[in-house]
C-alpha atoms as a PDB file:
ATOM      1  CA  MET A   1     -51.282   7.585  -7.711  1.00  0.00           C
ATOM      2  CA  THR A   2     -51.874   7.496 -11.437  1.00  0.00           C
ATOM      3  CA  ASP A   3     -54.292   4.607 -10.909  1.00  0.00           C
ATOM      4  CA  VAL A   4     -56.277   6.650  -8.364  1.00  0.00           C
ATOM      5  CA  VAL A   5     -56.557   9.619 -10.757  1.00  0.00           C
ATOM      6  CA  ASN A   6     -57.440   7.216 -13.577  1.00  0.00           C
ATOM      7  CA  VAL A   7     -60.347   5.681 -11.618  1.00  0.00           C
ATOM      8  CA  VAL A   8     -61.728   9.110 -10.648  1.00  0.00           C
ATOM      9  CA  THR A   9     -61.342  10.373 -14.221  1.00  0.00           C
ATOM     10  CA  ARG A  10     -63.184   7.314 -15.551  1.00  0.00           C
ATOM     11  CA  PHE A  11     -65.945   7.925 -12.989  1.00  0.00           C
ATOM     12  CA  ASN A  12     -66.252  11.569 -14.078  1.00  0.00           C
ATOM     13  CA  ASN A  13     -66.336  10.554 -17.753  1.00  0.00           C
ATOM     14  CA  ALA A  14     -69.160   8.092 -16.992  1.00  0.00           C
ATOM     15  CA  LEU A  15     -70.969  10.833 -15.060  1.00  0.00           C
ATOM     16  CA  ASN A  16     -70.682  13.204 -18.024  1.00  0.00           C
ATOM     17  CA  ALA A  17     -72.092  10.439 -20.241  1.00  0.00           C
ATOM     18  CA  GLY A  18     -74.990   9.860 -17.829  1.00  0.00           C
ATOM     19  CA  ASP A  19     -73.884   6.208 -17.538  1.00  0.00           C
ATOM     20  CA  VAL A  20     -74.934   5.192 -14.029  1.00  0.00           C
ATOM     21  CA  ALA A  21     -73.993   1.529 -14.601  1.00  0.00           C
ATOM     22  CA  ALA A  22     -70.412   2.488 -15.500  1.00  0.00           C
ATOM     23  CA  MET A  23     -70.241   4.849 -12.519  1.00  0.00           C
ATOM     24  CA  MET A  24     -71.364   2.133 -10.126  1.00  0.00           C
ATOM     25  CA  GLN A  25     -68.831  -0.360 -11.505  1.00  0.00           C
ATOM     26  CA  LEU A  26     -66.141   1.997 -10.199  1.00  0.00           C
ATOM     27  CA  THR A  27     -67.487   2.057  -6.620  1.00  0.00           C
ATOM     28  CA  THR A  28     -67.327  -0.328  -3.670  1.00  0.00           C
ATOM     29  CA  GLU A  29     -70.471  -2.093  -2.432  1.00  0.00           C
ATOM     30  CA  ASP A  30     -70.413   0.092   0.697  1.00  0.00           C
ATOM     31  CA  THR A  31     -69.587   3.310  -1.150  1.00  0.00           C
ATOM     32  CA  VAL A  32     -70.589   6.625   0.410  1.00  0.00           C
ATOM     33  CA  PHE A  33     -71.586   9.788  -1.455  1.00  0.00           C
ATOM     34  CA  GLU A  34     -72.191  13.115   0.273  1.00  0.00           C
ATOM     35  CA  ASN A  35     -74.059  15.527  -1.983  1.00  0.00           C
ATOM     36  CA  THR A  36     -73.783  19.312  -1.803  1.00  0.00           C
ATOM     37  CA  ASP A  37     -77.540  19.708  -1.260  1.00  0.00           C
ATOM     38  CA  PRO A  38     -79.307  20.563   0.990  1.00  0.00           C
ATOM     39  CA  PRO A  39     -77.123  23.193   2.646  1.00  0.00           C
ATOM     40  CA  PRO A  40     -75.283  23.415   4.890  1.00  0.00           C
ATOM     41  CA  ASP A  41     -74.137  19.777   5.114  1.00  0.00           C
ATOM     42  CA  GLY A  42     -75.684  17.994   2.126  1.00  0.00           C
ATOM     43  CA  ALA A  43     -77.360  14.602   2.074  1.00  0.00           C
ATOM     44  CA  ARG A  44     -75.408  11.389   2.701  1.00  0.00           C
ATOM     45  CA  TYR A  45     -76.049   8.228   0.678  1.00  0.00           C
ATOM     46  CA  ALA A  46     -74.475   4.967   1.854  1.00  0.00           C
ATOM     47  CA  GLY A  47     -74.225   1.727  -0.124  1.00  0.00           C
ATOM     48  CA  GLN A  48     -74.544   1.104  -3.843  1.00  0.00           C
ATOM     49  CA  PRO A  49     -78.381   0.916  -3.898  1.00  0.00           C
ATOM     50  CA  ALA A  50     -78.771   4.357  -2.267  1.00  0.00           C
ATOM     51  CA  VAL A  51     -76.008   5.951  -4.350  1.00  0.00           C
ATOM     52  CA  ARG A  52     -77.370   4.426  -7.573  1.00  0.00           C
ATOM     53  CA  ALA A  53     -80.876   5.732  -6.756  1.00  0.00           C
ATOM     54  CA  PHE A  54     -79.483   9.236  -6.212  1.00  0.00           C
ATOM     55  CA  TRP A  55     -77.692   9.277  -9.584  1.00  0.00           C
ATOM     56  CA  GLU A  56     -80.739   7.899 -11.412  1.00  0.00           C
ATOM     57  CA  ARG A  57     -82.897  10.690  -9.925  1.00  0.00           C
ATOM     58  CA  PHE A  58     -80.194  13.256 -10.684  1.00  0.00           C
ATOM     59  CA  PHE A  59     -79.981  12.325 -14.377  1.00  0.00           C
ATOM     60  CA  SER A  60     -83.758  12.190 -14.787  1.00  0.00           C
ATOM     61  CA  GLY A  61     -83.818  15.929 -13.990  1.00  0.00           C
ATOM     62  CA  ALA A  62     -80.455  17.010 -15.425  1.00  0.00           C
ATOM     63  CA  ALA A  63     -80.148  15.844 -19.006  1.00  0.00           C
ATOM     64  CA  SER A  64     -77.427  18.372 -19.893  1.00  0.00           C
ATOM     65  CA  ALA A  65     -75.266  17.999 -16.762  1.00  0.00           C
ATOM     66  CA  HIS A  66     -71.521  18.219 -17.363  1.00  0.00           C
ATOM     67  CA  ILE A  67     -68.570  18.450 -14.995  1.00  0.00           C
ATOM     68  CA  ASP A  68     -65.388  20.081 -16.303  1.00  0.00           C
ATOM     69  CA  VAL A  69     -62.272  19.149 -14.348  1.00  0.00           C
ATOM     70  CA  GLU A  70     -60.218  22.206 -13.374  1.00  0.00           C
ATOM     71  CA  GLU A  71     -57.575  20.289 -11.426  1.00  0.00           C
ATOM     72  CA  ILE A  72     -57.103  16.728 -10.166  1.00  0.00           C
ATOM     73  CA  PHE A  73     -54.410  15.194  -7.995  1.00  0.00           C
ATOM     74  CA  ALA A  74     -53.900  12.208  -5.708  1.00  0.00           C
ATOM     75  CA  CYS A  75     -51.948  11.282  -2.617  1.00  0.00           C
ATOM     76  CA  GLY A  76     -52.079   7.644  -1.541  1.00  0.00           C
ATOM     77  CA  ASP A  77     -55.679   6.412  -1.651  1.00  0.00           C
ATOM     78  CA  ARG A  78     -57.091   9.971  -1.765  1.00  0.00           C
ATOM     79  CA  CYS A  79     -57.937  12.105  -4.769  1.00  0.00           C
ATOM     80  CA  THR A  80     -59.098  15.702  -4.946  1.00  0.00           C
ATOM     81  CA  MET A  81     -60.833  17.103  -8.001  1.00  0.00           C
ATOM     82  CA  ARG A  82     -61.676  20.790  -8.444  1.00  0.00           C
ATOM     83  CA  TRP A  83     -64.486  21.212 -10.962  1.00  0.00           C
ATOM     84  CA  THR A  84     -67.114  23.365 -12.640  1.00  0.00           C
ATOM     85  CA  TYR A  85     -70.568  21.814 -12.961  1.00  0.00           C
ATOM     86  CA  ARG A  86     -72.520  23.216 -15.932  1.00  0.00           C
ATOM     87  CA  TRP A  87     -76.170  22.626 -16.802  1.00  0.00           C
ATOM     88  CA  THR A  88     -79.122  23.955 -18.747  1.00  0.00           C
ATOM     89  CA  ASP A  89     -82.440  24.044 -16.904  1.00  0.00           C
ATOM     90  CA  HIS A  90     -85.877  23.175 -18.284  1.00  0.00           C
ATOM     91  CA  HIS A  91     -86.337  26.815 -19.406  1.00  0.00           C
ATOM     92  CA  GLY A  92     -83.149  26.806 -21.464  1.00  0.00           C
ATOM     93  CA  GLN A  93     -81.221  28.877 -18.916  1.00  0.00           C
ATOM     94  CA  ALA A  94     -77.562  27.925 -18.523  1.00  0.00           C
ATOM     95  CA  GLY A  95     -75.975  27.797 -15.106  1.00  0.00           C
ATOM     96  CA  HIS A  96     -72.816  26.682 -13.385  1.00  0.00           C
ATOM     97  CA  ILE A  97     -71.285  26.203  -9.970  1.00  0.00           C
ATOM     98  CA  ARG A  98     -67.718  25.483  -8.879  1.00  0.00           C
ATOM     99  CA  GLY A  99     -66.699  22.955  -6.285  1.00  0.00           C
ATOM    100  CA  VAL A 100     -64.408  20.229  -5.052  1.00  0.00           C
ATOM    101  CA  ASP A 101     -64.800  16.469  -4.630  1.00  0.00           C
ATOM    102  CA  VAL A 102     -62.686  14.562  -2.150  1.00  0.00           C
ATOM    103  CA  TYR A 103     -62.448  10.859  -2.990  1.00  0.00           C
ATOM    104  CA  ARG A 104     -61.144   7.889  -1.011  1.00  0.00           C
ATOM    105  CA  LEU A 105     -60.430   4.668  -2.879  1.00  0.00           C
ATOM    106  CA  ARG A 106     -60.163   1.117  -1.599  1.00  0.00           C
ATOM    107  CA  ASP A 107     -58.948  -1.821  -3.677  1.00  0.00           C
ATOM    108  CA  GLY A 108     -59.012   0.338  -6.812  1.00  0.00           C
ATOM    109  CA  LEU A 109     -62.640   1.437  -6.371  1.00  0.00           C
ATOM    110  CA  ILE A 110     -64.278   4.596  -5.040  1.00  0.00           C
ATOM    111  CA  ALA A 111     -65.282   4.050  -1.413  1.00  0.00           C
ATOM    112  CA  GLU A 112     -66.144   7.678  -0.672  1.00  0.00           C
ATOM    113  CA  LYS A 113     -67.026  10.807  -2.672  1.00  0.00           C
ATOM    114  CA  LEU A 114     -67.524  13.956  -0.622  1.00  0.00           C
ATOM    115  CA  SER A 115     -68.725  16.984  -2.619  1.00  0.00           C
ATOM    116  CA  TYR A 116     -68.390  20.645  -1.655  1.00  0.00           C
ATOM    117  CA  VAL A 117     -69.394  23.841  -3.511  1.00  0.00           C
ATOM    118  CA  LYS A 118     -68.489  27.506  -3.392  1.00  0.00           C
ATOM    119  CA  GLY A 119     -71.135  29.887  -2.200  1.00  0.00           C
END
């Protein structure tokens, strides 16, 4: 289980650094990411090219994005991370939202990242 938490923590650290290449190295070729937007179900991205494109677009509009981990734990190949996402918009206004990511790993890589938010 420590390895699962380690992989997810490394992914989150790469995300906080805006390092898409490092993030993608921690995912399977067929990785799936379900975003929190648009409500109510969010958009689904399947495969490394689609997921990479999402993160590149995300970072082009969110230079100050940061995810603080509130709690993280694993059971088998699953990991759950409760977080606070903080940002500053283009007008200098700070904001935040709280949520949860549910990860599934395969062969030591992230195969699925499902994101949910409060509100």
